[in-house]
Amino acid sequence: MSAFIFDWYWYDDGPFLQSALEKGYMGAKNRDDLKFAIMWANHDWFDIHPAKLSSPPKLQFPGRVTLETFRSITDHVVNTYFKTPSYWTVDGCPYFSIYELFNFVTSMGGVAGAAHAIAEFRQKTKAAGFRDLHFNAVTWGVKLLPGQTEVSDLKALLEQLQVDSTTSYVWLHHAKLPNFPTTQYSAMAWTYEAYRDTASEKLGKPYFPNVSMGWDSSPRACQSDIYIEKDYPFLPVVQGNTPENFGKALRSAKDFLDRSPELKQKIVTVNSWNEWTEGSYLEPDTLNRYAYLDQIRNVFGRRKSP
């Protein structure tokens, strides 16, 4: 691994769940052994622990923020994170990812407002001594505002916002699970890879491929409910996501990068380190121990010392 991308939260009332990064990673003596970056998880936060089949979850924190909040976010990010020597940069530019682009556009009152906010963020980054900002967008479920006339499609939106690159958070966002209650890992992989192979062309921006370890959101469902197919988290469970099949997916991603000379940066995102309640985690367990991490090492080799 080259970098750890933290899911990072900040709502209108301030930061949330930041201790793992600021007190854990940043407080560790060996933090320079592994770079880090953040993905601003600007989605609505619902109470889904557990999610009930018969009633909608309660909204606890709305993902939309004010411009003033976004300015506070970027001040903190530049001054606290970017200036940390272990922050991950792409061609000398700090990498910052956003999870829900459409939510951000809505927050800023439209495309023009969002573009201006990102431009301000870039200027802060440059003023801090960096060449530029590398602004990455997780492209899933992106939609335009009702009555929007500034842009007509996602490709035009990414261009107007001056996004530098795109990626995916998890295969599920692009690969519908066809069978319930279980779907095979190979079927999800095949569907996602069909999306991956044309993403850069369709989006008009470099697309960094993703590899997902698996999917099982059933732990987030109320365990006394009947488990029938419905909205998240009542979804099919992926089976067959063995370490060996995960390794095949990693090799496919590496082959994709090797045959994509237009991608100047060879970056793969992996979901996920510790999504235990979504069945997609790399952390060692009592069954597979280090097998999934071993596959990453086998395909991409050991990380070289900086």
C-alpha atoms as a PDB file:
ATOM      1  CA  MET A   1       0.000   0.000   0.000  1.00  0.00           C
ATOM      2  CA  SER A   2       1.141   3.525  -0.731  1.00  0.00           C
ATOM      3  CA  ALA A   3      -1.515   5.513   1.122  1.00  0.00           C
ATOM      4  CA  PHE A   4      -4.405   5.143   3.519  1.00  0.00           C
ATOM      5  CA  ILE A   5      -7.477   7.134   2.431  1.00  0.00           C
ATOM      6  CA  PHE A   6      -9.612   7.939   5.463  1.00  0.00           C
ATOM      7  CA  ASP A   7     -13.385   8.330   5.242  1.00  0.00           C
ATOM      8  CA  TRP A   8     -13.582  11.791   6.795  1.00  0.00           C
ATOM      9  CA  TYR A   9     -16.646  13.657   8.056  1.00  0.00           C
ATOM     10  CA  TRP A  10     -17.398  17.308   8.660  1.00  0.00           C
ATOM     11  CA  TYR A  11     -20.922  18.662   8.870  1.00  0.00           C
ATOM     12  CA  ASP A  12     -22.278  22.135   9.531  1.00  0.00           C
ATOM     13  CA  ASP A  13     -21.812  21.593  13.256  1.00  0.00           C
ATOM     14  CA  GLY A  14     -18.185  20.586  12.856  1.00  0.00           C
ATOM     15  CA  PRO A  15     -15.952  17.509  12.491  1.00  0.00           C
ATOM     16  CA  PHE A  16     -17.220  14.016  13.253  1.00  0.00           C
ATOM     17  CA  LEU A  17     -15.390  10.720  13.864  1.00  0.00           C
ATOM     18  CA  GLN A  18     -12.012  12.364  13.325  1.00  0.00           C
ATOM     19  CA  SER A  19     -10.242  10.724  16.278  1.00  0.00           C
ATOM     20  CA  ALA A  20      -8.982   7.692  14.341  1.00  0.00           C
ATOM     21  CA  LEU A  21      -7.074  10.057  12.065  1.00  0.00           C
ATOM     22  CA  GLU A  22      -6.069  12.894  14.377  1.00  0.00           C
ATOM     23  CA  LYS A  23      -5.443  10.943  17.586  1.00  0.00           C
ATOM     24  CA  GLY A  24      -4.640   7.553  16.095  1.00  0.00           C
ATOM     25  CA  TYR A  25      -2.712   7.838  12.847  1.00  0.00           C
ATOM     26  CA  MET A  26      -1.358  11.364  13.326  1.00  0.00           C
ATOM     27  CA  GLY A  27      -0.366  10.573  16.897  1.00  0.00           C
ATOM     28  CA  ALA A  28       1.557   7.450  15.939  1.00  0.00           C
ATOM     29  CA  LYS A  29       5.351   7.531  16.027  1.00  0.00           C
ATOM     30  CA  ASN A  30       5.601   5.465  12.828  1.00  0.00           C
ATOM     31  CA  ARG A  31       3.041   7.420  10.794  1.00  0.00           C
ATOM     32  CA  ASP A  32       5.632   8.257   8.146  1.00  0.00           C
ATOM     33  CA  ASP A  33       5.733   4.570   7.188  1.00  0.00           C
ATOM     34  CA  LEU A  34       2.442   5.000   5.328  1.00  0.00           C
ATOM     35  CA  LYS A  35       1.084   8.092   3.586  1.00  0.00           C
ATOM     36  CA  PHE A  36      -2.498   9.232   4.166  1.00  0.00           C
ATOM     37  CA  ALA A  37      -5.164  11.235   2.401  1.00  0.00           C
ATOM     38  CA  ILE A  38      -8.827  11.958   3.010  1.00  0.00           C
ATOM     39  CA  MET A  39     -12.098  11.418   1.226  1.00  0.00           C
ATOM     40  CA  TRP A  40     -14.700  13.862   2.497  1.00  0.00           C
ATOM     41  CA  ALA A  41     -17.726  11.631   3.138  1.00  0.00           C
ATOM     42  CA  ASN A  42     -20.286  14.390   2.647  1.00  0.00           C
ATOM     43  CA  HIS A  43     -23.312  12.104   2.557  1.00  0.00           C
ATOM     44  CA  ASP A  44     -26.395  12.276   4.740  1.00  0.00           C
ATOM     45  CA  TRP A  45     -25.803  10.359   7.974  1.00  0.00           C
ATOM     46  CA  PHE A  46     -28.763   8.130   8.799  1.00  0.00           C
ATOM     47  CA  ASP A  47     -29.294   6.016  11.901  1.00  0.00           C
ATOM     48  CA  ILE A  48     -28.996   2.547  10.346  1.00  0.00           C
ATOM     49  CA  HIS A  49     -27.568   0.628  13.266  1.00  0.00           C
ATOM     50  CA  PRO A  50     -29.739  -1.279  12.830  1.00  0.00           C
ATOM     51  CA  ALA A  51     -31.897  -0.446   9.810  1.00  0.00           C
ATOM     52  CA  LYS A  52     -35.493  -1.630  10.099  1.00  0.00           C
ATOM     53  CA  LEU A  53     -37.429  -3.104   7.234  1.00  0.00           C
ATOM     54  CA  SER A  54     -40.712  -1.386   8.021  1.00  0.00           C
ATOM     55  CA  SER A  55     -39.644   2.165   8.901  1.00  0.00           C
ATOM     56  CA  PRO A  56     -37.332   4.724   7.260  1.00  0.00           C
ATOM     57  CA  PRO A  57     -34.128   5.554   9.134  1.00  0.00           C
ATOM     58  CA  LYS A  58     -33.774   8.812  11.021  1.00  0.00           C
ATOM     59  CA  LEU A  59     -31.601  11.509   9.465  1.00  0.00           C
ATOM     60  CA  GLN A  60     -29.035  12.559  12.050  1.00  0.00           C
ATOM     61  CA  PHE A  61     -26.691  14.800  10.046  1.00  0.00           C
ATOM     62  CA  PRO A  62     -27.476  16.265   6.595  1.00  0.00           C
ATOM     63  CA  GLY A  63     -24.579  16.131   4.157  1.00  0.00           C
ATOM     64  CA  ARG A  64     -25.247  19.538   2.641  1.00  0.00           C
ATOM     65  CA  VAL A  65     -23.148  22.311   4.122  1.00  0.00           C
ATOM     66  CA  THR A  66     -22.873  26.080   3.767  1.00  0.00           C
ATOM     67  CA  LEU A  67     -20.085  27.849   1.915  1.00  0.00           C
ATOM     68  CA  GLU A  68     -18.804  29.078   5.289  1.00  0.00           C
ATOM     69  CA  THR A  69     -18.577  25.478   6.502  1.00  0.00           C
ATOM     70  CA  PHE A  70     -16.727  24.427   3.359  1.00  0.00           C
ATOM     71  CA  ARG A  71     -14.264  27.251   3.884  1.00  0.00           C
ATOM     72  CA  SER A  72     -13.702  26.039   7.456  1.00  0.00           C
ATOM     73  CA  ILE A  73     -13.234  22.500   6.132  1.00  0.00           C
ATOM     74  CA  THR A  74     -10.625  23.533   3.590  1.00  0.00           C
ATOM     75  CA  ASP A  75      -8.801  25.748   6.102  1.00  0.00           C
ATOM     76  CA  HIS A  76      -8.482  22.769   8.423  1.00  0.00           C
ATOM     77  CA  VAL A  77      -7.512  20.377   5.646  1.00  0.00           C
ATOM     78  CA  VAL A  78      -4.769  22.626   4.283  1.00  0.00           C
ATOM     79  CA  ASN A  79      -3.329  23.713   7.612  1.00  0.00           C
ATOM     80  CA  THR A  80      -3.675  20.486   9.587  1.00  0.00           C
ATOM     81  CA  TYR A  81      -3.389  17.714   6.983  1.00  0.00           C
ATOM     82  CA  PHE A  82      -1.698  18.957   3.804  1.00  0.00           C
ATOM     83  CA  LYS A  83       1.192  20.439   5.789  1.00  0.00           C
ATOM     84  CA  THR A  84       1.838  17.093   7.461  1.00  0.00           C
ATOM     85  CA  PRO A  85       4.871  15.463   5.771  1.00  0.00           C
ATOM     86  CA  SER A  86       3.082  12.128   5.504  1.00  0.00           C
ATOM     87  CA  TYR A  87       0.152  13.521   3.501  1.00  0.00           C
ATOM     88  CA  TRP A  88      -0.128  11.797   0.118  1.00  0.00           C
ATOM     89  CA  THR A  89       0.498  13.905  -2.975  1.00  0.00           C
ATOM     90  CA  VAL A  90       0.050  13.147  -6.662  1.00  0.00           C
ATOM     91  CA  ASP A  91       2.747  14.874  -8.715  1.00  0.00           C
ATOM     92  CA  GLY A  92       3.349  17.173  -5.766  1.00  0.00           C
ATOM     93  CA  CYS A  93      -0.342  18.035  -5.357  1.00  0.00           C
ATOM     94  CA  PRO A  94      -2.219  16.965  -2.202  1.00  0.00           C
ATOM     95  CA  TYR A  95      -4.926  14.424  -3.033  1.00  0.00           C
ATOM     96  CA  PHE A  96      -8.418  15.326  -1.777  1.00  0.00           C
ATOM     97  CA  SER A  97     -11.439  13.202  -2.671  1.00  0.00           C
ATOM     98  CA  ILE A  98     -15.151  13.943  -2.362  1.00  0.00           C
ATOM     99  CA  TYR A  99     -17.764  11.212  -1.980  1.00  0.00           C
ATOM    100  CA  GLU A 100     -21.023  12.835  -3.128  1.00  0.00           C
ATOM    101  CA  LEU A 101     -20.322  15.373  -5.820  1.00  0.00           C
ATOM    102  CA  PHE A 102     -23.986  16.155  -6.467  1.00  0.00           C
ATOM    103  CA  ASN A 103     -24.534  16.877  -2.769  1.00  0.00           C
ATOM    104  CA  PHE A 104     -21.641  19.316  -2.853  1.00  0.00           C
ATOM    105  CA  VAL A 105     -22.988  21.063  -5.959  1.00  0.00           C
ATOM    106  CA  THR A 106     -26.371  21.398  -4.283  1.00  0.00           C
ATOM    107  CA  SER A 107     -24.714  22.748  -1.128  1.00  0.00           C
ATOM    108  CA  MET A 108     -22.983  25.471  -3.110  1.00  0.00           C
ATOM    109  CA  GLY A 109     -26.172  26.518  -4.883  1.00  0.00           C
ATOM    110  CA  GLY A 110     -25.282  25.095  -8.279  1.00  0.00           C
ATOM    111  CA  VAL A 111     -22.381  24.377 -10.597  1.00  0.00           C
ATOM    112  CA  ALA A 112     -20.980  27.910 -10.695  1.00  0.00           C
ATOM    113  CA  GLY A 113     -20.931  28.135  -6.906  1.00  0.00           C
ATOM    114  CA  ALA A 114     -19.292  24.731  -6.578  1.00  0.00           C
ATOM    115  CA  ALA A 115     -16.659  25.609  -9.181  1.00  0.00           C
ATOM    116  CA  HIS A 116     -15.871  28.844  -7.327  1.00  0.00           C
ATOM    117  CA  ALA A 117     -15.548  26.994  -3.997  1.00  0.00           C
ATOM    118  CA  ILE A 118     -13.128  24.470  -5.506  1.00  0.00           C
ATOM    119  CA  ALA A 119     -11.130  27.299  -7.094  1.00  0.00           C
ATOM    120  CA  GLU A 120     -10.840  28.939  -3.651  1.00  0.00           C
ATOM    121  CA  PHE A 121      -9.639  25.603  -2.257  1.00  0.00           C
ATOM    122  CA  ARG A 122      -6.972  25.449  -4.965  1.00  0.00           C
ATOM    123  CA  GLN A 123      -5.745  28.931  -4.139  1.00  0.00           C
ATOM    124  CA  LYS A 124      -5.449  28.047  -0.443  1.00  0.00           C
ATOM    125  CA  THR A 125      -3.442  24.974  -1.368  1.00  0.00           C
ATOM    126  CA  LYS A 126      -1.097  26.949  -3.609  1.00  0.00           C
ATOM    127  CA  ALA A 127      -0.707  29.665  -0.984  1.00  0.00           C
ATOM    128  CA  ALA A 128       0.426  26.940   1.427  1.00  0.00           C
ATOM    129  CA  GLY A 129       3.344  26.196  -0.893  1.00  0.00           C
ATOM    130  CA  PHE A 130       2.021  23.366  -3.046  1.00  0.00           C
ATOM    131  CA  ARG A 131       2.022  23.310  -6.828  1.00  0.00           C
ATOM    132  CA  ASP A 132      -1.736  22.708  -6.942  1.00  0.00           C
ATOM    133  CA  LEU A 133      -4.571  20.639  -5.498  1.00  0.00           C
ATOM    134  CA  HIS A 134      -5.438  17.189  -6.856  1.00  0.00           C
ATOM    135  CA  PHE A 135      -9.247  17.164  -6.585  1.00  0.00           C
ATOM    136  CA  ASN A 136     -10.702  13.675  -7.014  1.00  0.00           C
ATOM    137  CA  ALA A 137     -14.400  12.885  -7.409  1.00  0.00           C
ATOM    138  CA  VAL A 138     -16.013   9.574  -6.515  1.00  0.00           C
ATOM    139  CA  THR A 139     -18.411   9.247  -9.440  1.00  0.00           C
ATOM    140  CA  TRP A 140     -21.523   7.354  -8.426  1.00  0.00           C
ATOM    141  CA  GLY A 141     -25.156   8.348  -8.346  1.00  0.00           C
ATOM    142  CA  VAL A 142     -24.217  11.769  -9.690  1.00  0.00           C
ATOM    143  CA  LYS A 143     -27.254  13.769 -10.750  1.00  0.00           C
ATOM    144  CA  LEU A 144     -27.889  17.293 -11.890  1.00  0.00           C
ATOM    145  CA  LEU A 145     -30.051  19.783 -10.052  1.00  0.00           C
ATOM    146  CA  PRO A 146     -33.676  20.116 -11.168  1.00  0.00           C
ATOM    147  CA  GLY A 147     -33.852  22.740 -13.887  1.00  0.00           C
ATOM    148  CA  GLN A 148     -30.079  22.836 -14.164  1.00  0.00           C
ATOM    149  CA  THR A 149     -28.946  24.540 -17.367  1.00  0.00           C
ATOM    150  CA  GLU A 150     -25.256  25.166 -16.643  1.00  0.00           C
ATOM    151  CA  VAL A 151     -24.269  21.637 -17.657  1.00  0.00           C
ATOM    152  CA  SER A 152     -26.041  18.825 -19.456  1.00  0.00           C
ATOM    153  CA  ASP A 153     -24.239  15.690 -18.282  1.00  0.00           C
ATOM    154  CA  LEU A 154     -21.661  14.317 -15.856  1.00  0.00           C
ATOM    155  CA  LYS A 155     -18.761  14.790 -18.269  1.00  0.00           C
ATOM    156  CA  ALA A 156     -19.587  18.478 -18.643  1.00  0.00           C
ATOM    157  CA  LEU A 157     -20.013  18.820 -14.882  1.00  0.00           C
ATOM    158  CA  LEU A 158     -16.576  17.355 -14.142  1.00  0.00           C
ATOM    159  CA  GLU A 159     -14.999  19.679 -16.678  1.00  0.00           C
ATOM    160  CA  GLN A 160     -16.705  22.807 -15.355  1.00  0.00           C
ATOM    161  CA  LEU A 161     -15.682  21.933 -11.790  1.00  0.00           C
ATOM    162  CA  GLN A 162     -12.109  21.311 -12.997  1.00  0.00           C
ATOM    163  CA  VAL A 163     -11.967  17.907 -11.322  1.00  0.00           C
ATOM    164  CA  ASP A 164      -8.541  16.291 -11.740  1.00  0.00           C
ATOM    165  CA  SER A 165      -9.488  12.612 -11.555  1.00  0.00           C
ATOM    166  CA  THR A 166     -12.294  10.206 -10.747  1.00  0.00           C
ATOM    167  CA  THR A 167     -12.569   6.883  -8.990  1.00  0.00           C
ATOM    168  CA  SER A 168     -15.105   4.559  -7.353  1.00  0.00           C
ATOM    169  CA  TYR A 169     -15.729   3.847  -3.699  1.00  0.00           C
ATOM    170  CA  VAL A 170     -17.033   0.310  -4.134  1.00  0.00           C
ATOM    171  CA  TRP A 171     -17.990  -1.973  -7.022  1.00  0.00           C
ATOM    172  CA  LEU A 172     -21.608  -2.049  -5.881  1.00  0.00           C
ATOM    173  CA  HIS A 173     -22.099   1.514  -7.099  1.00  0.00           C
ATOM    174  CA  HIS A 174     -21.635   0.335 -10.686  1.00  0.00           C
ATOM    175  CA  ALA A 175     -22.533  -3.340 -10.492  1.00  0.00           C
ATOM    176  CA  LYS A 176     -26.099  -4.336  -9.671  1.00  0.00           C
ATOM    177  CA  LEU A 177     -26.183  -7.610  -7.787  1.00  0.00           C
ATOM    178  CA  PRO A 178     -28.427  -9.749 -10.015  1.00  0.00           C
ATOM    179  CA  ASN A 179     -29.365 -12.587  -7.658  1.00  0.00           C
ATOM    180  CA  PHE A 180     -30.916 -12.597  -4.181  1.00  0.00           C
ATOM    181  CA  PRO A 181     -30.102 -13.634  -1.513  1.00  0.00           C
ATOM    182  CA  THR A 182     -26.579 -14.269  -2.851  1.00  0.00           C
ATOM    183  CA  THR A 183     -24.559 -13.148  -5.869  1.00  0.00           C
ATOM    184  CA  GLN A 184     -21.180 -14.481  -6.906  1.00  0.00           C
ATOM    185  CA  TYR A 185     -18.124 -12.253  -6.600  1.00  0.00           C
ATOM    186  CA  SER A 186     -17.136 -13.067 -10.180  1.00  0.00           C
ATOM    187  CA  ALA A 187     -20.449 -11.679 -11.476  1.00  0.00           C
ATOM    188  CA  MET A 188     -19.966  -8.399  -9.610  1.00  0.00           C
ATOM    189  CA  ALA A 189     -16.369  -8.190 -10.851  1.00  0.00           C
ATOM    190  CA  TRP A 190     -17.381  -8.739 -14.473  1.00  0.00           C
ATOM    191  CA  THR A 191     -20.066  -6.032 -14.353  1.00  0.00           C
ATOM    192  CA  TYR A 192     -17.785  -3.511 -12.656  1.00  0.00           C
ATOM    193  CA  GLU A 193     -14.894  -4.132 -15.066  1.00  0.00           C
ATOM    194  CA  ALA A 194     -17.181  -3.420 -18.017  1.00  0.00           C
ATOM    195  CA  TYR A 195     -17.826  -0.007 -16.440  1.00  0.00           C
ATOM    196  CA  ARG A 196     -14.152   0.522 -15.628  1.00  0.00           C
ATOM    197  CA  ASP A 197     -12.918  -0.088 -19.151  1.00  0.00           C
ATOM    198  CA  THR A 198     -14.714   2.923 -20.655  1.00  0.00           C
ATOM    199  CA  ALA A 199     -14.966   5.210 -17.609  1.00  0.00           C
ATOM    200  CA  SER A 200     -12.118   7.595 -18.499  1.00  0.00           C
ATOM    201  CA  GLU A 201     -13.495   8.097 -21.988  1.00  0.00           C
ATOM    202  CA  LYS A 202     -17.074   8.649 -20.847  1.00  0.00           C
ATOM    203  CA  LEU A 203     -16.143  10.904 -17.938  1.00  0.00           C
ATOM    204  CA  GLY A 204     -13.532  12.924 -19.788  1.00  0.00           C
ATOM    205  CA  LYS A 205     -11.188  12.648 -16.785  1.00  0.00           C
ATOM    206  CA  PRO A 206      -8.615  10.065 -15.678  1.00  0.00           C
ATOM    207  CA  TYR A 207     -10.410   7.202 -13.912  1.00  0.00           C
ATOM    208  CA  PHE A 208      -8.528   5.280 -11.225  1.00  0.00           C
ATOM    209  CA  PRO A 209      -9.822   1.706 -10.953  1.00  0.00           C
ATOM    210  CA  ASN A 210     -11.206   0.216  -7.773  1.00  0.00           C
ATOM    211  CA  VAL A 211     -11.028  -3.274  -6.325  1.00  0.00           C
ATOM    212  CA  SER A 212     -13.626  -4.342  -3.770  1.00  0.00           C
ATOM    213  CA  MET A 213     -12.975  -7.199  -1.377  1.00  0.00           C
ATOM    214  CA  GLY A 214     -16.645  -8.205  -1.113  1.00  0.00           C
ATOM    215  CA  TRP A 215     -20.104  -7.111  -0.022  1.00  0.00           C
ATOM    216  CA  ASP A 216     -22.444  -8.090   2.809  1.00  0.00           C
ATOM    217  CA  SER A 217     -24.538  -5.298   4.350  1.00  0.00           C
ATOM    218  CA  SER A 218     -26.821  -7.696   6.263  1.00  0.00           C
ATOM    219  CA  PRO A 219     -25.169  -6.891   9.652  1.00  0.00           C
ATOM    220  CA  ARG A 220     -26.634  -3.390   9.359  1.00  0.00           C
ATOM    221  CA  ALA A 221     -30.164  -4.766   9.063  1.00  0.00           C
ATOM    222  CA  CYS A 222     -32.349  -5.357  12.117  1.00  0.00           C
ATOM    223  CA  GLN A 223     -31.652  -9.008  12.894  1.00  0.00           C
ATOM    224  CA  SER A 224     -35.231  -9.706  13.994  1.00  0.00           C
ATOM    225  CA  ASP A 225     -36.629  -8.590  10.608  1.00  0.00           C
ATOM    226  CA  ILE A 226     -37.242 -10.964   7.730  1.00  0.00           C
ATOM    227  CA  TYR A 227     -34.353 -10.504   5.296  1.00  0.00           C
ATOM    228  CA  ILE A 228     -36.013  -9.769   1.975  1.00  0.00           C
ATOM    229  CA  GLU A 229     -34.649  -7.780  -0.950  1.00  0.00           C
ATOM    230  CA  LYS A 230     -35.383  -4.087  -0.513  1.00  0.00           C
ATOM    231  CA  ASP A 231     -33.405  -0.869  -0.169  1.00  0.00           C
ATOM    232  CA  TYR A 232     -29.991  -0.721   1.508  1.00  0.00           C
ATOM    233  CA  PRO A 233     -28.976  -2.586   3.607  1.00  0.00           C
ATOM    234  CA  PHE A 234     -31.430  -5.331   2.574  1.00  0.00           C
ATOM    235  CA  LEU A 235     -29.334  -6.338  -0.416  1.00  0.00           C
ATOM    236  CA  PRO A 236     -27.850  -9.549  -1.811  1.00  0.00           C
ATOM    237  CA  VAL A 237     -24.780 -10.947  -0.113  1.00  0.00           C
ATOM    238  CA  VAL A 238     -21.694 -11.536  -2.256  1.00  0.00           C
ATOM    239  CA  GLN A 239     -20.179 -14.994  -2.028  1.00  0.00           C
ATOM    240  CA  GLY A 240     -17.034 -16.464  -3.546  1.00  0.00           C
ATOM    241  CA  ASN A 241     -14.885 -13.481  -2.596  1.00  0.00           C
ATOM    242  CA  THR A 242     -12.010 -15.690  -1.576  1.00  0.00           C
ATOM    243  CA  PRO A 243      -8.489 -14.303  -1.227  1.00  0.00           C
ATOM    244  CA  GLU A 244      -7.649 -16.040  -4.511  1.00  0.00           C
ATOM    245  CA  ASN A 245     -10.526 -14.355  -6.372  1.00  0.00           C
ATOM    246  CA  PHE A 246      -9.647 -11.037  -4.763  1.00  0.00           C
ATOM    247  CA  GLY A 247      -6.113 -11.560  -6.108  1.00  0.00           C
ATOM    248  CA  LYS A 248      -7.519 -12.113  -9.611  1.00  0.00           C
ATOM    249  CA  ALA A 249      -9.379  -8.797  -9.338  1.00  0.00           C
ATOM    250  CA  LEU A 250      -6.200  -7.035  -8.248  1.00  0.00           C
ATOM    251  CA  ARG A 251      -4.308  -8.459 -11.221  1.00  0.00           C
ATOM    252  CA  SER A 252      -7.113  -7.327 -13.526  1.00  0.00           C
ATOM    253  CA  ALA A 253      -6.797  -3.785 -12.144  1.00  0.00           C
ATOM    254  CA  LYS A 254      -3.029  -3.860 -12.597  1.00  0.00           C
ATOM    255  CA  ASP A 255      -3.408  -5.116 -16.176  1.00  0.00           C
ATOM    256  CA  PHE A 256      -5.904  -2.316 -16.826  1.00  0.00           C
ATOM    257  CA  LEU A 257      -3.382   0.281 -15.659  1.00  0.00           C
ATOM    258  CA  ASP A 258      -0.591  -1.322 -17.671  1.00  0.00           C
ATOM    259  CA  ARG A 259      -2.618  -1.077 -20.873  1.00  0.00           C
ATOM    260  CA  SER A 260      -3.811   2.488 -20.184  1.00  0.00           C
ATOM    261  CA  PRO A 261      -0.884   4.737 -21.167  1.00  0.00           C
ATOM    262  CA  GLU A 262      -3.132   7.807 -20.931  1.00  0.00           C
ATOM    263  CA  LEU A 263      -3.211   7.339 -17.147  1.00  0.00           C
ATOM    264  CA  LYS A 264      -0.039   9.089 -16.041  1.00  0.00           C
ATOM    265  CA  GLN A 265      -0.586   8.085 -12.403  1.00  0.00           C
ATOM    266  CA  LYS A 266      -0.986   4.361 -11.747  1.00  0.00           C
ATOM    267  CA  ILE A 267      -3.435   4.407  -8.841  1.00  0.00           C
ATOM    268  CA  VAL A 268      -5.813   1.715  -7.600  1.00  0.00           C
ATOM    269  CA  THR A 269      -8.255   2.288  -4.743  1.00  0.00           C
ATOM    270  CA  VAL A 270      -9.269  -0.694  -2.622  1.00  0.00           C
ATOM    271  CA  ASN A 271     -12.449  -1.058  -0.593  1.00  0.00           C
ATOM    272  CA  SER A 272     -11.924  -1.339   2.271  1.00  0.00           C
ATOM    273  CA  TRP A 273      -9.749  -1.540   5.373  1.00  0.00           C
ATOM    274  CA  ASN A 274     -12.444  -2.043   7.994  1.00  0.00           C
ATOM    275  CA  GLU A 275     -15.981  -2.056   6.571  1.00  0.00           C
ATOM    276  CA  TRP A 276     -16.861  -5.068   8.733  1.00  0.00           C
ATOM    277  CA  THR A 277     -20.609  -4.360   8.669  1.00  0.00           C
ATOM    278  CA  GLU A 278     -20.551  -4.221   4.856  1.00  0.00           C
ATOM    279  CA  GLY A 279     -18.466  -7.358   4.443  1.00  0.00           C
ATOM    280  CA  SER A 280     -15.619  -5.559   2.704  1.00  0.00           C
ATOM    281  CA  TYR A 281     -12.506  -5.439   4.873  1.00  0.00           C
ATOM    282  CA  LEU A 282      -8.781  -6.119   4.605  1.00  0.00           C
ATOM    283  CA  GLU A 283      -8.053  -6.273   8.313  1.00  0.00           C
ATOM    284  CA  PRO A 284      -6.859  -9.731   9.390  1.00  0.00           C
ATOM    285  CA  ASP A 285      -9.525 -11.992  10.877  1.00  0.00           C
ATOM    286  CA  THR A 286      -9.479 -15.401  12.527  1.00  0.00           C
ATOM    287  CA  LEU A 287     -10.569 -17.182   9.333  1.00  0.00           C
ATOM    288  CA  ASN A 288      -8.341 -15.737   6.599  1.00  0.00           C
ATOM    289  CA  ARG A 289      -5.765 -14.000   8.786  1.00  0.00           C
ATOM    290  CA  TYR A 290      -3.522 -11.914   6.447  1.00  0.00           C
ATOM    291  CA  ALA A 291      -4.596 -13.590   3.198  1.00  0.00           C
ATOM    292  CA  TYR A 292      -6.201 -10.522   1.581  1.00  0.00           C
ATOM    293  CA  LEU A 293      -3.277  -8.279   2.460  1.00  0.00           C
ATOM    294  CA  ASP A 294      -0.930 -10.968   1.146  1.00  0.00           C
ATOM    295  CA  GLN A 295      -2.712 -10.777  -2.211  1.00  0.00           C
ATOM    296  CA  ILE A 296      -2.032  -7.040  -2.439  1.00  0.00           C
ATOM    297  CA  ARG A 297       1.636  -7.671  -1.724  1.00  0.00           C
ATOM    298  CA  ASN A 298       1.774 -10.535  -4.241  1.00  0.00           C
ATOM    299  CA  VAL A 299       0.286  -8.439  -7.055  1.00  0.00           C
ATOM    300  CA  PHE A 300       1.811  -5.029  -6.390  1.00  0.00           C
ATOM    301  CA  GLY A 301       4.937  -5.951  -4.422  1.00  0.00           C
ATOM    302  CA  ARG A 302       6.275  -4.544  -1.223  1.00  0.00           C
ATOM    303  CA  ARG A 303       6.149  -0.784  -0.780  1.00  0.00           C
ATOM    304  CA  LYS A 304       9.541   0.791  -1.347  1.00  0.00           C
ATOM    305  CA  SER A 305      10.934   3.044   1.338  1.00  0.00           C
ATOM    306  CA  PRO A 306      10.586   6.770   0.487  1.00  0.00           C
END
